[in-house]
Amino acid sequence: MTSTRARRPAFWIALPTALTALAACTSSDQPEEDRPTPSRAVTAALRTVERSTDRADSARVTSTTTVGSALSMTAHGTLAWGDGLTGTLTITYTGGTTAETMRRLGTTSMEARYLPDAYYARMGEAFAEKADGRHWIKYAYDDLKNLAGSSGADLADQMRGNAPHTSVKLLLSAADVRKVGEETVSGAHTTRYSGTVRVEGATPQTVDIWVDDRDLLVKKVEKGRTATGALTQTAYYSDYGVKTAVRKPPEGDTADLKDLLKRGALDGTS
C-alpha cells in the first residue's frame, strides 16, 4: 500500500504514491480456488462490467486519496491499458507527512508517466540538485523485481495491473458482494455494487463501484485501514476511449532507480 520503511531515501515516496493514485487495493490475497462465489445475477453483471471496461482500452481518471496522517493527495490524467498500462497523471500532495517530505524535495506536485516497461516520476529541483541535475526517476519493473525481491515483484505487478477493470475483478472475490441500488453519478444513471475484500498486508476493506448503463465503471470508493492509518480513496472514470499519448522522458534528464541506489545518492534523506 502506501507505507515506507524508516531511513528509506525520500525518492522512494514517488513509487507507493503512484500506486495509491490509481488503486488503493489491487489484488486479493485469497487463492482463486478458495474465493467465495457471489450470487449468479451479481456475478454475471460484474463480469459484464469487467469485460466492457477492459475493452474500452482508455479513460480519464480523477481521484482523491487519504491515508491517516501520512498522505492526502489528488490525481488526474488519462490511462490506457490495451497493450500494457500507459498514461500520464498529475499527482498533487495536499497534506500529511508525505507532502512535507515532497516539499523538501522541491515540489508538492508530481507528473507520473506509465509506460509498458517502467514508471517515471518527475521530482522537484531539490531532488535534481542531488541527482546530477536530473528531474525524472525511472522505476523499471524488472529492476524492482531484482532490487527488492518478492516485494518489488508485487509492486511491479500492481503498477502494471492498475487499470479500472481490475477493481471490478477484485470485487468479484468478495463473499458479501451485492447490488445496492441505483443512483445518479455525474449526471448519469448508475447501478451501485458493494462488498468487502481481503488484501495482502491490510485489514479487510470495503469496495463500492458505480456502473453506468453502458456497463462501464464510472466511480469507485475504497475504505479500510492500513499500517499508517485509515484509508479512503474515491476515483472517477470518464471519457472512455479517450486518445492518450505518452512520451518517454528525456534520457539526459532521467535518473535510473538502480543507479541511484548503487550510488547512495540520497541516502539519509527523509
C-alpha atoms as a PDB file:
ATOM      1  CA  MET A   1       0.000   0.000   0.000  1.00  0.00           C
ATOM      2  CA  THR A   2       1.484   3.378   0.977  1.00  0.00           C
ATOM      3  CA  SER A   3       3.756   2.791   3.955  1.00  0.00           C
ATOM      4  CA  THR A   4       7.517   3.202   3.650  1.00  0.00           C
ATOM      5  CA  ARG A   5      10.294   1.972   5.882  1.00  0.00           C
ATOM      6  CA  ALA A   6      12.256   4.299   8.128  1.00  0.00           C
ATOM      7  CA  ARG A   7      15.518   5.651   6.715  1.00  0.00           C
ATOM      8  CA  ARG A   8      14.486   4.827   3.183  1.00  0.00           C
ATOM      9  CA  PRO A   9      15.575   7.553   0.727  1.00  0.00           C
ATOM     10  CA  ALA A  10      12.793  10.042   0.096  1.00  0.00           C
ATOM     11  CA  PHE A  11      12.582   9.386  -3.645  1.00  0.00           C
ATOM     12  CA  TRP A  12      11.004   6.009  -2.821  1.00  0.00           C
ATOM     13  CA  ILE A  13       7.887   8.001  -1.949  1.00  0.00           C
ATOM     14  CA  ALA A  14       7.188   8.571  -5.632  1.00  0.00           C
ATOM     15  CA  LEU A  15       6.541   4.871  -6.168  1.00  0.00           C
ATOM     16  CA  PRO A  16       3.977   3.960  -3.485  1.00  0.00           C
ATOM     17  CA  THR A  17       2.068   7.194  -4.057  1.00  0.00           C
ATOM     18  CA  ALA A  18       1.741   6.238  -7.697  1.00  0.00           C
ATOM     19  CA  LEU A  19       0.038   3.060  -6.570  1.00  0.00           C
ATOM     20  CA  THR A  20      -2.486   4.844  -4.369  1.00  0.00           C
ATOM     21  CA  ALA A  21      -3.128   7.354  -7.122  1.00  0.00           C
ATOM     22  CA  LEU A  22      -4.679   4.572  -9.165  1.00  0.00           C
ATOM     23  CA  ALA A  23      -5.995   1.912  -6.830  1.00  0.00           C
ATOM     24  CA  ALA A  24      -5.805   1.552  -3.102  1.00  0.00           C
ATOM     25  CA  CYS A  25      -6.394  -2.188  -3.424  1.00  0.00           C
ATOM     26  CA  THR A  26      -5.241  -4.169  -6.408  1.00  0.00           C
ATOM     27  CA  SER A  27      -5.418  -7.863  -5.598  1.00  0.00           C
ATOM     28  CA  SER A  28      -6.999 -10.276  -3.188  1.00  0.00           C
ATOM     29  CA  ASP A  29      -4.766 -12.492  -1.052  1.00  0.00           C
ATOM     30  CA  GLN A  30      -7.208 -15.392  -1.261  1.00  0.00           C
ATOM     31  CA  PRO A  31      -6.253 -18.250  -3.623  1.00  0.00           C
ATOM     32  CA  GLU A  32      -8.603 -18.473  -6.597  1.00  0.00           C
ATOM     33  CA  GLU A  33      -9.976 -21.826  -5.504  1.00  0.00           C
ATOM     34  CA  ASP A  34     -10.811 -20.509  -2.011  1.00  0.00           C
ATOM     35  CA  ARG A  35     -12.689 -17.402  -3.103  1.00  0.00           C
ATOM     36  CA  PRO A  36     -16.396 -17.351  -2.246  1.00  0.00           C
ATOM     37  CA  THR A  37     -18.964 -17.220  -5.006  1.00  0.00           C
ATOM     38  CA  PRO A  38     -21.365 -14.238  -5.166  1.00  0.00           C
ATOM     39  CA  SER A  39     -24.939 -14.676  -6.396  1.00  0.00           C
ATOM     40  CA  ARG A  40     -25.234 -15.637 -10.051  1.00  0.00           C
ATOM     41  CA  ALA A  41     -27.003 -12.429 -11.030  1.00  0.00           C
ATOM     42  CA  VAL A  42     -24.391 -10.186  -9.412  1.00  0.00           C
ATOM     43  CA  THR A  43     -21.545 -12.296 -10.770  1.00  0.00           C
ATOM     44  CA  ALA A  44     -22.915 -12.122 -14.301  1.00  0.00           C
ATOM     45  CA  ALA A  45     -23.443  -8.362 -14.072  1.00  0.00           C
ATOM     46  CA  LEU A  46     -19.970  -7.673 -12.717  1.00  0.00           C
ATOM     47  CA  ARG A  47     -18.276  -9.915 -15.263  1.00  0.00           C
ATOM     48  CA  THR A  48     -20.031  -7.942 -17.997  1.00  0.00           C
ATOM     49  CA  VAL A  49     -18.751  -4.710 -16.418  1.00  0.00           C
ATOM     50  CA  GLU A  50     -15.240  -6.148 -16.189  1.00  0.00           C
ATOM     51  CA  ARG A  51     -15.248  -7.106 -19.875  1.00  0.00           C
ATOM     52  CA  SER A  52     -16.796  -3.832 -21.071  1.00  0.00           C
ATOM     53  CA  THR A  53     -14.376  -1.683 -19.061  1.00  0.00           C
ATOM     54  CA  ASP A  54     -11.421  -3.789 -20.179  1.00  0.00           C
ATOM     55  CA  ARG A  55     -12.405  -3.458 -23.844  1.00  0.00           C
ATOM     56  CA  ALA A  56     -12.743   0.339 -23.559  1.00  0.00           C
ATOM     57  CA  ASP A  57      -8.917   0.489 -23.512  1.00  0.00           C
ATOM     58  CA  SER A  58      -8.570   4.004 -22.029  1.00  0.00           C
ATOM     59  CA  ALA A  59     -10.234   6.572 -19.763  1.00  0.00           C
ATOM     60  CA  ARG A  60      -9.833   9.867 -17.985  1.00  0.00           C
ATOM     61  CA  VAL A  61      -9.169   9.429 -14.249  1.00  0.00           C
ATOM     62  CA  THR A  62      -9.658  11.753 -11.272  1.00  0.00           C
ATOM     63  CA  SER A  63      -9.066  10.585  -7.705  1.00  0.00           C
ATOM     64  CA  THR A  64      -8.598  11.727  -4.123  1.00  0.00           C
ATOM     65  CA  THR A  65      -6.796   9.634  -1.510  1.00  0.00           C
ATOM     66  CA  THR A  66      -6.106   9.950   2.210  1.00  0.00           C
ATOM     67  CA  VAL A  67      -4.091   7.541   4.359  1.00  0.00           C
ATOM     68  CA  GLY A  68      -4.183   8.539   8.013  1.00  0.00           C
ATOM     69  CA  SER A  69      -1.809  11.383   8.819  1.00  0.00           C
ATOM     70  CA  ALA A  70       0.703  10.115   6.258  1.00  0.00           C
ATOM     71  CA  LEU A  71      -0.886  11.145   2.990  1.00  0.00           C
ATOM     72  CA  SER A  72      -3.518  13.305   1.374  1.00  0.00           C
ATOM     73  CA  MET A  73      -3.402  13.620  -2.396  1.00  0.00           C
ATOM     74  CA  THR A  74      -5.271  14.174  -5.636  1.00  0.00           C
ATOM     75  CA  ALA A  75      -4.543  12.751  -9.080  1.00  0.00           C
ATOM     76  CA  HIS A  76      -5.898  13.382 -12.551  1.00  0.00           C
ATOM     77  CA  GLY A  77      -4.973  12.405 -16.081  1.00  0.00           C
ATOM     78  CA  THR A  78      -5.527   9.669 -18.652  1.00  0.00           C
ATOM     79  CA  LEU A  79      -4.715   5.963 -18.674  1.00  0.00           C
ATOM     80  CA  ALA A  80      -4.718   3.301 -21.383  1.00  0.00           C
ATOM     81  CA  TRP A  81      -4.476  -0.462 -20.858  1.00  0.00           C
ATOM     82  CA  GLY A  82      -4.997  -2.083 -24.248  1.00  0.00           C
ATOM     83  CA  ASP A  83      -1.334  -3.082 -24.589  1.00  0.00           C
ATOM     84  CA  GLY A  84       0.182  -2.748 -21.132  1.00  0.00           C
ATOM     85  CA  LEU A  85      -0.577   0.136 -18.794  1.00  0.00           C
ATOM     86  CA  THR A  86       0.339   3.554 -20.197  1.00  0.00           C
ATOM     87  CA  GLY A  87      -0.711   7.060 -19.301  1.00  0.00           C
ATOM     88  CA  THR A  88       0.055  10.330 -17.575  1.00  0.00           C
ATOM     89  CA  LEU A  89      -1.188  11.527 -14.187  1.00  0.00           C
ATOM     90  CA  THR A  90      -0.580  14.744 -12.287  1.00  0.00           C
ATOM     91  CA  ILE A  91      -0.307  13.903  -8.583  1.00  0.00           C
ATOM     92  CA  THR A  92      -0.657  16.703  -6.029  1.00  0.00           C
ATOM     93  CA  TYR A  93       0.174  16.187  -2.350  1.00  0.00           C
ATOM     94  CA  THR A  94      -2.272  18.208  -0.280  1.00  0.00           C
ATOM     95  CA  GLY A  95      -1.362  17.115   3.236  1.00  0.00           C
ATOM     96  CA  GLY A  96       0.256  14.616   5.566  1.00  0.00           C
ATOM     97  CA  THR A  97       3.885  13.738   6.199  1.00  0.00           C
ATOM     98  CA  THR A  98       4.348  12.741   2.563  1.00  0.00           C
ATOM     99  CA  ALA A  99       3.528  16.285   1.444  1.00  0.00           C
ATOM    100  CA  GLU A 100       6.130  17.624   3.874  1.00  0.00           C
ATOM    101  CA  THR A 101       8.749  15.245   2.515  1.00  0.00           C
ATOM    102  CA  MET A 102       7.953  16.136  -1.076  1.00  0.00           C
ATOM    103  CA  ARG A 103       8.110  19.820  -0.194  1.00  0.00           C
ATOM    104  CA  ARG A 104      11.687  19.269   0.987  1.00  0.00           C
ATOM    105  CA  LEU A 105      12.392  17.682  -2.389  1.00  0.00           C
ATOM    106  CA  GLY A 106      11.251  20.858  -4.105  1.00  0.00           C
ATOM    107  CA  THR A 107       7.642  20.161  -5.173  1.00  0.00           C
ATOM    108  CA  THR A 108       4.226  19.073  -3.933  1.00  0.00           C
ATOM    109  CA  SER A 109       3.011  18.241  -7.440  1.00  0.00           C
ATOM    110  CA  MET A 110       4.485  15.418  -9.491  1.00  0.00           C
ATOM    111  CA  GLU A 111       3.928  14.203 -13.034  1.00  0.00           C
ATOM    112  CA  ALA A 112       3.796  10.419 -13.353  1.00  0.00           C
ATOM    113  CA  ARG A 113       4.178   8.646 -16.685  1.00  0.00           C
ATOM    114  CA  TYR A 114       3.351   4.974 -17.180  1.00  0.00           C
ATOM    115  CA  LEU A 115       4.971   3.010 -19.992  1.00  0.00           C
ATOM    116  CA  PRO A 116       4.811  -0.774 -20.524  1.00  0.00           C
ATOM    117  CA  ASP A 117       8.299  -1.391 -19.112  1.00  0.00           C
ATOM    118  CA  ALA A 118       8.661   1.344 -16.488  1.00  0.00           C
ATOM    119  CA  TYR A 119       7.090   4.058 -14.379  1.00  0.00           C
ATOM    120  CA  TYR A 120       8.589   7.581 -14.418  1.00  0.00           C
ATOM    121  CA  ALA A 121       8.166  10.272 -11.757  1.00  0.00           C
ATOM    122  CA  ARG A 122       9.179  13.911 -12.179  1.00  0.00           C
ATOM    123  CA  MET A 123      10.623  15.273  -8.948  1.00  0.00           C
ATOM    124  CA  GLY A 124      11.474  18.800  -7.823  1.00  0.00           C
ATOM    125  CA  GLU A 125      14.556  20.990  -8.038  1.00  0.00           C
ATOM    126  CA  ALA A 126      15.874  19.911  -4.646  1.00  0.00           C
ATOM    127  CA  PHE A 127      15.938  16.343  -5.906  1.00  0.00           C
ATOM    128  CA  ALA A 128      17.653  17.382  -9.141  1.00  0.00           C
ATOM    129  CA  GLU A 129      20.441  19.051  -7.173  1.00  0.00           C
ATOM    130  CA  LYS A 130      21.284  15.664  -5.671  1.00  0.00           C
ATOM    131  CA  ALA A 131      20.826  13.714  -8.907  1.00  0.00           C
ATOM    132  CA  ASP A 132      23.236  15.455 -11.285  1.00  0.00           C
ATOM    133  CA  GLY A 133      20.568  17.907 -12.407  1.00  0.00           C
ATOM    134  CA  ARG A 134      18.106  15.206 -13.468  1.00  0.00           C
ATOM    135  CA  HIS A 135      14.450  15.633 -12.626  1.00  0.00           C
ATOM    136  CA  TRP A 136      12.951  12.247 -13.539  1.00  0.00           C
ATOM    137  CA  ILE A 137      13.280   8.902 -11.748  1.00  0.00           C
ATOM    138  CA  LYS A 138      12.845   5.747 -13.798  1.00  0.00           C
ATOM    139  CA  TYR A 139      11.405   2.717 -11.990  1.00  0.00           C
ATOM    140  CA  ALA A 140      11.945  -0.156 -14.422  1.00  0.00           C
ATOM    141  CA  TYR A 141       9.630  -3.010 -13.480  1.00  0.00           C
ATOM    142  CA  ASP A 142      12.342  -5.637 -13.986  1.00  0.00           C
ATOM    143  CA  ASP A 143      14.680  -3.645 -11.730  1.00  0.00           C
ATOM    144  CA  LEU A 144      12.065  -3.540  -8.982  1.00  0.00           C
ATOM    145  CA  LYS A 145      11.929  -7.311  -9.022  1.00  0.00           C
ATOM    146  CA  ASN A 146      15.715  -7.645  -8.935  1.00  0.00           C
ATOM    147  CA  LEU A 147      16.305  -4.970  -6.288  1.00  0.00           C
ATOM    148  CA  ALA A 148      13.510  -5.724  -3.855  1.00  0.00           C
ATOM    149  CA  GLY A 149      12.782  -9.426  -4.329  1.00  0.00           C
ATOM    150  CA  SER A 150       9.199 -10.576  -3.877  1.00  0.00           C
ATOM    151  CA  SER A 151       8.038  -7.193  -2.554  1.00  0.00           C
ATOM    152  CA  GLY A 152       9.476  -5.498  -5.625  1.00  0.00           C
ATOM    153  CA  ALA A 153       7.797  -8.037  -7.865  1.00  0.00           C
ATOM    154  CA  ASP A 154       4.491  -7.319  -6.129  1.00  0.00           C
ATOM    155  CA  LEU A 155       4.946  -3.582  -6.700  1.00  0.00           C
ATOM    156  CA  ALA A 156       5.756  -4.139 -10.359  1.00  0.00           C
ATOM    157  CA  ASP A 157       2.691  -6.322 -10.826  1.00  0.00           C
ATOM    158  CA  GLN A 158       0.492  -3.732  -9.110  1.00  0.00           C
ATOM    159  CA  MET A 159       1.866  -0.921 -11.243  1.00  0.00           C
ATOM    160  CA  ARG A 160       1.074  -2.828 -14.432  1.00  0.00           C
ATOM    161  CA  GLY A 161      -2.309  -4.050 -13.200  1.00  0.00           C
ATOM    162  CA  ASN A 162      -3.961  -0.813 -12.120  1.00  0.00           C
ATOM    163  CA  ALA A 163      -6.497  -0.468 -14.938  1.00  0.00           C
ATOM    164  CA  PRO A 164     -10.096   0.303 -13.828  1.00  0.00           C
ATOM    165  CA  HIS A 165     -11.466  -3.151 -14.600  1.00  0.00           C
ATOM    166  CA  THR A 166      -9.130  -4.724 -12.012  1.00  0.00           C
ATOM    167  CA  SER A 167     -11.276  -3.149  -9.271  1.00  0.00           C
ATOM    168  CA  VAL A 168     -14.294  -4.970 -10.673  1.00  0.00           C
ATOM    169  CA  LYS A 169     -12.346  -8.218 -10.736  1.00  0.00           C
ATOM    170  CA  LEU A 170     -11.331  -7.634  -7.129  1.00  0.00           C
ATOM    171  CA  LEU A 171     -14.912  -7.054  -6.054  1.00  0.00           C
ATOM    172  CA  LEU A 172     -15.887 -10.425  -7.538  1.00  0.00           C
ATOM    173  CA  SER A 173     -13.797 -12.066  -4.791  1.00  0.00           C
ATOM    174  CA  ALA A 174     -15.975 -10.596  -2.018  1.00  0.00           C
ATOM    175  CA  ALA A 175     -18.261 -13.043  -0.208  1.00  0.00           C
ATOM    176  CA  ASP A 176     -20.788 -10.316   0.503  1.00  0.00           C
ATOM    177  CA  VAL A 177     -20.757  -8.539  -2.870  1.00  0.00           C
ATOM    178  CA  ARG A 178     -24.229  -7.269  -3.630  1.00  0.00           C
ATOM    179  CA  LYS A 179     -26.242  -4.812  -5.692  1.00  0.00           C
ATOM    180  CA  VAL A 180     -27.001  -1.789  -3.501  1.00  0.00           C
ATOM    181  CA  GLY A 181     -29.321   0.131  -5.776  1.00  0.00           C
ATOM    182  CA  GLU A 182     -29.480   2.815  -8.431  1.00  0.00           C
ATOM    183  CA  GLU A 183     -28.007   6.317  -8.096  1.00  0.00           C
ATOM    184  CA  THR A 184     -27.048   9.339 -10.185  1.00  0.00           C
ATOM    185  CA  VAL A 185     -23.314   9.990 -10.571  1.00  0.00           C
ATOM    186  CA  SER A 186     -22.026  12.997 -12.514  1.00  0.00           C
ATOM    187  CA  GLY A 187     -25.469  13.360 -14.073  1.00  0.00           C
ATOM    188  CA  ALA A 188     -25.640   9.752 -15.279  1.00  0.00           C
ATOM    189  CA  HIS A 189     -27.832   6.872 -14.131  1.00  0.00           C
ATOM    190  CA  THR A 190     -25.725   4.175 -12.428  1.00  0.00           C
ATOM    191  CA  THR A 191     -26.034   0.902 -10.553  1.00  0.00           C
ATOM    192  CA  ARG A 192     -24.065   0.569  -7.323  1.00  0.00           C
ATOM    193  CA  TYR A 193     -22.385  -2.613  -6.087  1.00  0.00           C
ATOM    194  CA  SER A 194     -20.595  -3.100  -2.765  1.00  0.00           C
ATOM    195  CA  GLY A 195     -18.510  -5.736  -0.999  1.00  0.00           C
ATOM    196  CA  THR A 196     -15.745  -6.429   1.497  1.00  0.00           C
ATOM    197  CA  VAL A 197     -12.405  -7.670   0.193  1.00  0.00           C
ATOM    198  CA  ARG A 198      -9.286  -9.013   1.811  1.00  0.00           C
ATOM    199  CA  VAL A 199      -5.985  -7.547   0.643  1.00  0.00           C
ATOM    200  CA  GLU A 200      -2.498  -8.773   1.434  1.00  0.00           C
ATOM    201  CA  GLY A 201      -0.917  -6.741   4.239  1.00  0.00           C
ATOM    202  CA  ALA A 202      -4.074  -4.897   5.253  1.00  0.00           C
ATOM    203  CA  THR A 203      -7.322  -5.378   7.142  1.00  0.00           C
ATOM    204  CA  PRO A 204     -10.484  -6.133   5.139  1.00  0.00           C
ATOM    205  CA  GLN A 205     -11.589  -3.166   3.045  1.00  0.00           C
ATOM    206  CA  THR A 206     -14.900  -2.114   1.566  1.00  0.00           C
ATOM    207  CA  VAL A 207     -15.152  -1.512  -2.163  1.00  0.00           C
ATOM    208  CA  ASP A 208     -18.094   0.270  -3.773  1.00  0.00           C
ATOM    209  CA  ILE A 209     -18.405   0.756  -7.518  1.00  0.00           C
ATOM    210  CA  TRP A 210     -20.917   2.625  -9.673  1.00  0.00           C
ATOM    211  CA  VAL A 211     -21.614   1.341 -13.194  1.00  0.00           C
ATOM    212  CA  ASP A 212     -23.366   3.260 -15.964  1.00  0.00           C
ATOM    213  CA  ASP A 213     -25.906   1.958 -18.483  1.00  0.00           C
ATOM    214  CA  ARG A 214     -23.082   1.010 -20.865  1.00  0.00           C
ATOM    215  CA  ASP A 215     -21.653  -1.362 -18.238  1.00  0.00           C
ATOM    216  CA  LEU A 216     -18.650   0.910 -17.667  1.00  0.00           C
ATOM    217  CA  LEU A 217     -17.150   1.717 -14.275  1.00  0.00           C
ATOM    218  CA  VAL A 218     -17.673   5.427 -13.518  1.00  0.00           C
ATOM    219  CA  LYS A 219     -16.919   5.679  -9.801  1.00  0.00           C
ATOM    220  CA  LYS A 220     -15.078   3.681  -7.155  1.00  0.00           C
ATOM    221  CA  VAL A 221     -14.735   4.196  -3.396  1.00  0.00           C
ATOM    222  CA  GLU A 222     -12.408   2.115  -1.230  1.00  0.00           C
ATOM    223  CA  LYS A 223     -12.191   2.337   2.552  1.00  0.00           C
ATOM    224  CA  GLY A 224     -10.181   0.463   5.140  1.00  0.00           C
ATOM    225  CA  ARG A 225      -7.215   0.618   7.462  1.00  0.00           C
ATOM    226  CA  THR A 226      -3.507   0.265   6.747  1.00  0.00           C
ATOM    227  CA  ALA A 227      -0.400   0.272   8.926  1.00  0.00           C
ATOM    228  CA  THR A 228      -0.268   4.056   8.557  1.00  0.00           C
ATOM    229  CA  GLY A 229      -3.923   4.814   9.302  1.00  0.00           C
ATOM    230  CA  ALA A 230      -7.408   4.928   7.836  1.00  0.00           C
ATOM    231  CA  LEU A 231      -7.584   4.737   4.043  1.00  0.00           C
ATOM    232  CA  THR A 232     -10.193   6.398   1.849  1.00  0.00           C
ATOM    233  CA  GLN A 233      -9.989   6.693  -1.910  1.00  0.00           C
ATOM    234  CA  THR A 234     -12.580   7.978  -4.368  1.00  0.00           C
ATOM    235  CA  ALA A 235     -11.924   7.680  -8.106  1.00  0.00           C
ATOM    236  CA  TYR A 236     -13.970   8.794 -11.102  1.00  0.00           C
ATOM    237  CA  TYR A 237     -13.580   7.406 -14.637  1.00  0.00           C
ATOM    238  CA  SER A 238     -14.896   9.176 -17.718  1.00  0.00           C
ATOM    239  CA  ASP A 239     -14.310   9.704 -21.450  1.00  0.00           C
ATOM    240  CA  TYR A 240     -13.707   6.011 -22.124  1.00  0.00           C
ATOM    241  CA  GLY A 241     -11.771   5.564 -25.353  1.00  0.00           C
ATOM    242  CA  VAL A 242     -10.030   8.919 -24.930  1.00  0.00           C
ATOM    243  CA  LYS A 243      -6.916   9.311 -27.030  1.00  0.00           C
ATOM    244  CA  THR A 244      -3.715   9.012 -24.994  1.00  0.00           C
ATOM    245  CA  ALA A 245      -0.108   9.653 -25.948  1.00  0.00           C
ATOM    246  CA  VAL A 246       2.755   9.099 -23.539  1.00  0.00           C
ATOM    247  CA  ARG A 247       6.330  10.067 -24.273  1.00  0.00           C
ATOM    248  CA  LYS A 248       9.363   8.676 -22.540  1.00  0.00           C
ATOM    249  CA  PRO A 249      11.096  11.459 -20.567  1.00  0.00           C
ATOM    250  CA  PRO A 250      14.402  12.749 -21.992  1.00  0.00           C
ATOM    251  CA  GLU A 251      17.202  10.325 -21.211  1.00  0.00           C
ATOM    252  CA  GLY A 252      19.514  13.158 -20.216  1.00  0.00           C
ATOM    253  CA  ASP A 253      17.010  14.345 -17.612  1.00  0.00           C
ATOM    254  CA  THR A 254      16.295  10.893 -16.148  1.00  0.00           C
ATOM    255  CA  ALA A 255      17.979   9.115 -13.240  1.00  0.00           C
ATOM    256  CA  ASP A 256      17.602   5.333 -13.044  1.00  0.00           C
ATOM    257  CA  LEU A 257      16.456   3.881  -9.723  1.00  0.00           C
ATOM    258  CA  LYS A 258      19.116   1.172  -9.667  1.00  0.00           C
ATOM    259  CA  ASP A 259      21.867   3.719 -10.322  1.00  0.00           C
ATOM    260  CA  LEU A 260      20.615   5.991  -7.546  1.00  0.00           C
ATOM    261  CA  LEU A 261      20.619   3.104  -5.112  1.00  0.00           C
ATOM    262  CA  LYS A 262      24.054   1.948  -6.213  1.00  0.00           C
ATOM    263  CA  ARG A 263      25.490   5.439  -5.725  1.00  0.00           C
ATOM    264  CA  GLY A 264      23.661   6.036  -2.462  1.00  0.00           C
ATOM    265  CA  ALA A 265      22.864   9.434  -3.931  1.00  0.00           C
ATOM    266  CA  LEU A 266      20.088  10.251  -1.495  1.00  0.00           C
ATOM    267  CA  ASP A 267      20.942   8.055   1.487  1.00  0.00           C
ATOM    268  CA  GLY A 268      19.870   9.702   4.687  1.00  0.00           C
ATOM    269  CA  THR A 269      17.251  11.884   3.005  1.00  0.00           C
ATOM    270  CA  SER A 270      13.916  11.630   4.769  1.00  0.00           C
END
